Amino acid sequence: ASKALASLRAPIIMSQPDKWEIIACNSAAAANPVKNLIDDDETTFWHCKTKSEANWCEPPYEITIDMKDPVTIAQIDLVNRGEASRANNIKWVEFYASNNNSNWEKIGASDFNDEFIRETFRYYVKSTTARYLKLVIPEGHGNACPPAAIRELTVFGY
């Protein structure tokens, strides 16, 4: 009976913005740095570099988070930028997990659509215990990409 109850329990927030560190990101605007992705503050957001910034690049964008300790990941929530005056051209996202920051296992992928309304996109990923989490944005919609922006990434687990 205890196994049945355990499988029904809801995942809890595992994110620890004061402890976790983003150790890699291949595109971040100076005004909207990648640290905003895990700062637990929806008034800030990460934004890829714009075409006017030095070292601008097209997708894929990759962001690697060191969670410092192994975490059992079951769900990842992303909050889009969701501003009526701004387009966000992220087509889909992929999630990878690793224990050594070298060997990566794909734990989930899905679409990501920003319809100008701020909302949370919930991704139920393959339950995995890992120290590192990688968010990959493989491509955007059409030739308007970038921009790419995400307000928050939250990890849920057990």
Protein backbone atom coordinates (compact mmCIF):
# COMPACT_ATOMS: atom_id res chain seq x y z
CA ALA A 1 0.00 0.00 0.00
CA SER A 2 2.83 2.44 0.73
CA LYS A 3 4.21 2.09 -2.82
CA ALA A 4 0.80 2.96 -4.25
CA LEU A 5 0.57 6.03 -2.03
CA ALA A 6 4.10 7.10 -2.90
CA SER A 7 3.32 7.00 -6.62
CA LEU A 8 0.30 9.27 -6.08
CA ARG A 9 2.08 12.01 -4.16
CA ALA A 10 2.68 15.29 -5.92
CA PRO A 11 6.25 16.34 -6.69
CA ILE A 12 7.69 19.13 -4.55
CA ILE A 13 9.76 22.12 -5.60
CA MET A 14 13.42 21.16 -5.71
CA SER A 15 14.77 24.46 -7.09
CA GLN A 16 17.28 26.24 -4.85
CA PRO A 17 18.16 29.54 -6.53
CA ASP A 18 20.50 30.53 -3.70
CA LYS A 19 22.52 27.32 -4.14
CA TRP A 20 22.24 26.39 -7.83
CA GLU A 21 24.56 27.85 -10.44
CA ILE A 22 24.26 28.27 -14.19
CA ILE A 23 27.62 27.06 -15.47
CA ALA A 24 27.09 27.38 -19.23
CA CYS A 25 25.01 29.47 -21.59
CA ASN A 26 25.83 30.18 -25.21
CA SER A 27 23.64 33.29 -25.54
CA ALA A 28 22.49 35.83 -22.96
CA ALA A 29 21.65 39.50 -23.43
CA ALA A 30 23.61 41.90 -21.23
CA ALA A 31 20.39 43.45 -19.94
CA ASN A 32 18.71 40.07 -19.25
CA PRO A 33 21.39 37.64 -18.01
CA VAL A 34 20.92 33.90 -17.70
CA LYS A 35 21.01 34.03 -13.88
CA ASN A 36 17.46 35.46 -14.12
CA LEU A 37 16.25 32.04 -15.27
CA ILE A 38 16.62 30.57 -11.75
CA ASP A 39 16.32 33.63 -9.49
CA ASP A 40 12.75 32.84 -8.32
CA ASP A 41 11.62 36.28 -9.52
CA GLU A 42 9.07 36.45 -12.33
CA THR A 43 9.73 40.15 -12.87
CA THR A 44 13.09 39.24 -14.43
CA PHE A 45 13.86 37.01 -17.42
CA TRP A 46 16.67 35.51 -19.47
CA HIS A 47 16.88 36.69 -23.07
CA CYS A 48 19.23 35.46 -25.77
CA LYS A 49 21.55 38.03 -27.33
CA THR A 50 19.98 40.21 -29.96
CA LYS A 51 21.41 40.67 -33.44
CA SER A 52 22.87 44.01 -32.37
CA GLU A 53 25.02 42.44 -29.61
CA ALA A 54 28.54 41.11 -30.07
CA ASN A 55 28.83 37.33 -30.45
CA TRP A 56 25.16 37.00 -31.38
CA CYS A 57 24.25 33.48 -32.49
CA GLU A 58 21.24 31.62 -33.82
CA PRO A 59 19.77 28.63 -31.98
CA PRO A 60 20.33 26.12 -30.62
CA TYR A 61 20.66 27.83 -27.27
CA GLU A 62 21.97 25.71 -24.41
CA ILE A 63 21.84 26.47 -20.70
CA THR A 64 23.43 24.15 -18.12
CA ILE A 65 22.55 24.28 -14.42
CA ASP A 66 24.70 22.74 -11.68
CA MET A 67 22.26 21.78 -8.92
CA LYS A 68 25.28 21.00 -6.66
CA ASP A 69 23.71 17.78 -5.36
CA PRO A 70 21.80 14.98 -7.10
CA VAL A 71 18.10 15.79 -7.44
CA THR A 72 15.33 13.45 -8.55
CA ILE A 73 13.71 15.42 -11.38
CA ALA A 74 10.08 14.59 -12.25
CA GLN A 75 8.72 17.85 -13.63
CA ILE A 76 10.10 21.11 -15.02
CA ASP A 77 8.07 24.29 -15.26
CA LEU A 78 9.00 27.18 -17.55
CA VAL A 79 7.36 30.60 -17.34
CA ASN A 80 7.34 32.41 -20.66
CA ARG A 81 8.03 36.11 -21.09
CA GLY A 82 4.40 36.67 -22.05
CA GLU A 83 4.32 40.38 -22.83
CA ALA A 84 1.73 41.64 -25.31
CA SER A 85 4.23 43.87 -27.08
CA ARG A 86 6.97 41.24 -27.43
CA ALA A 87 7.13 38.13 -29.56
CA ASN A 88 8.91 35.03 -28.35
CA ASN A 89 9.87 32.66 -31.11
CA ILE A 90 10.88 29.54 -29.20
CA LYS A 91 9.45 26.58 -31.09
CA TRP A 92 10.21 23.80 -28.62
CA VAL A 93 12.44 22.90 -25.69
CA GLU A 94 14.45 19.83 -24.73
CA PHE A 95 15.70 18.75 -21.30
CA TYR A 96 18.80 16.68 -20.55
CA ALA A 97 20.19 15.33 -17.26
CA SER A 98 23.69 14.28 -16.24
CA ASN A 99 25.64 13.30 -13.16
CA ASN A 100 29.03 14.35 -14.54
CA ASN A 101 28.31 17.22 -16.98
CA SER A 102 29.64 15.03 -19.81
CA ASN A 103 27.24 12.16 -20.45
CA TRP A 104 23.74 13.49 -21.08
CA GLU A 105 20.40 11.68 -21.14
CA LYS A 106 17.40 13.28 -22.83
CA ILE A 107 14.60 13.30 -20.26
CA GLY A 108 11.98 15.31 -22.12
CA ALA A 109 10.99 17.56 -25.02
CA SER A 110 7.90 19.49 -25.98
CA ASP A 111 6.61 22.59 -27.71
CA PHE A 112 6.85 26.04 -26.18
CA ASN A 113 4.49 28.66 -27.48
CA ASP A 114 4.34 32.22 -26.26
CA GLU A 115 0.95 33.71 -27.11
CA PHE A 116 1.70 37.09 -25.50
CA ILE A 117 0.12 35.99 -22.20
CA ARG A 118 2.33 35.03 -19.29
CA GLU A 119 1.78 31.41 -18.39
CA THR A 120 3.54 28.41 -16.93
CA PHE A 121 4.39 25.53 -19.22
CA ARG A 122 4.56 22.25 -17.28
CA TYR A 123 6.73 19.41 -18.59
CA TYR A 124 6.52 15.95 -17.07
CA VAL A 125 9.92 14.49 -17.79
CA LYS A 126 11.42 11.02 -17.37
CA SER A 127 12.02 10.74 -13.64
CA THR A 128 15.78 10.90 -13.28
CA THR A 129 18.27 11.59 -10.50
CA ALA A 130 21.01 13.93 -11.67
CA ARG A 131 23.26 16.76 -10.55
CA TYR A 132 23.20 18.71 -13.83
CA LEU A 133 20.25 19.87 -15.92
CA LYS A 134 20.52 21.22 -19.45
CA LEU A 135 17.83 23.23 -21.23
CA VAL A 136 18.16 23.24 -25.01
CA ILE A 137 16.20 25.48 -27.37
CA PRO A 138 16.86 23.80 -30.74
CA GLU A 139 15.15 26.34 -32.99
CA GLY A 140 12.64 29.10 -33.28
CA HIS A 141 9.70 29.91 -35.49
CA GLY A 142 10.73 31.28 -38.88
CA ASN A 143 13.46 33.80 -39.50
CA ALA A 144 12.37 36.09 -36.65
CA CYS A 145 14.39 34.04 -34.15
CA PRO A 146 15.74 35.33 -31.90
CA PRO A 147 14.13 36.63 -29.71
CA ALA A 148 14.04 33.86 -27.15
CA ALA A 149 13.17 34.61 -23.53
CA ILE A 150 12.09 32.66 -20.45
CA ARG A 151 11.22 34.13 -17.03
CA GLU A 152 11.70 31.14 -14.73
CA LEU A 153 12.74 27.50 -14.69
CA THR A 154 11.53 25.49 -11.71
CA VAL A 155 12.37 21.85 -11.01
CA PHE A 156 9.97 19.56 -9.14
CA GLY A 157 10.89 16.14 -7.83
CA TYR A 158 11.03 13.82 -4.89
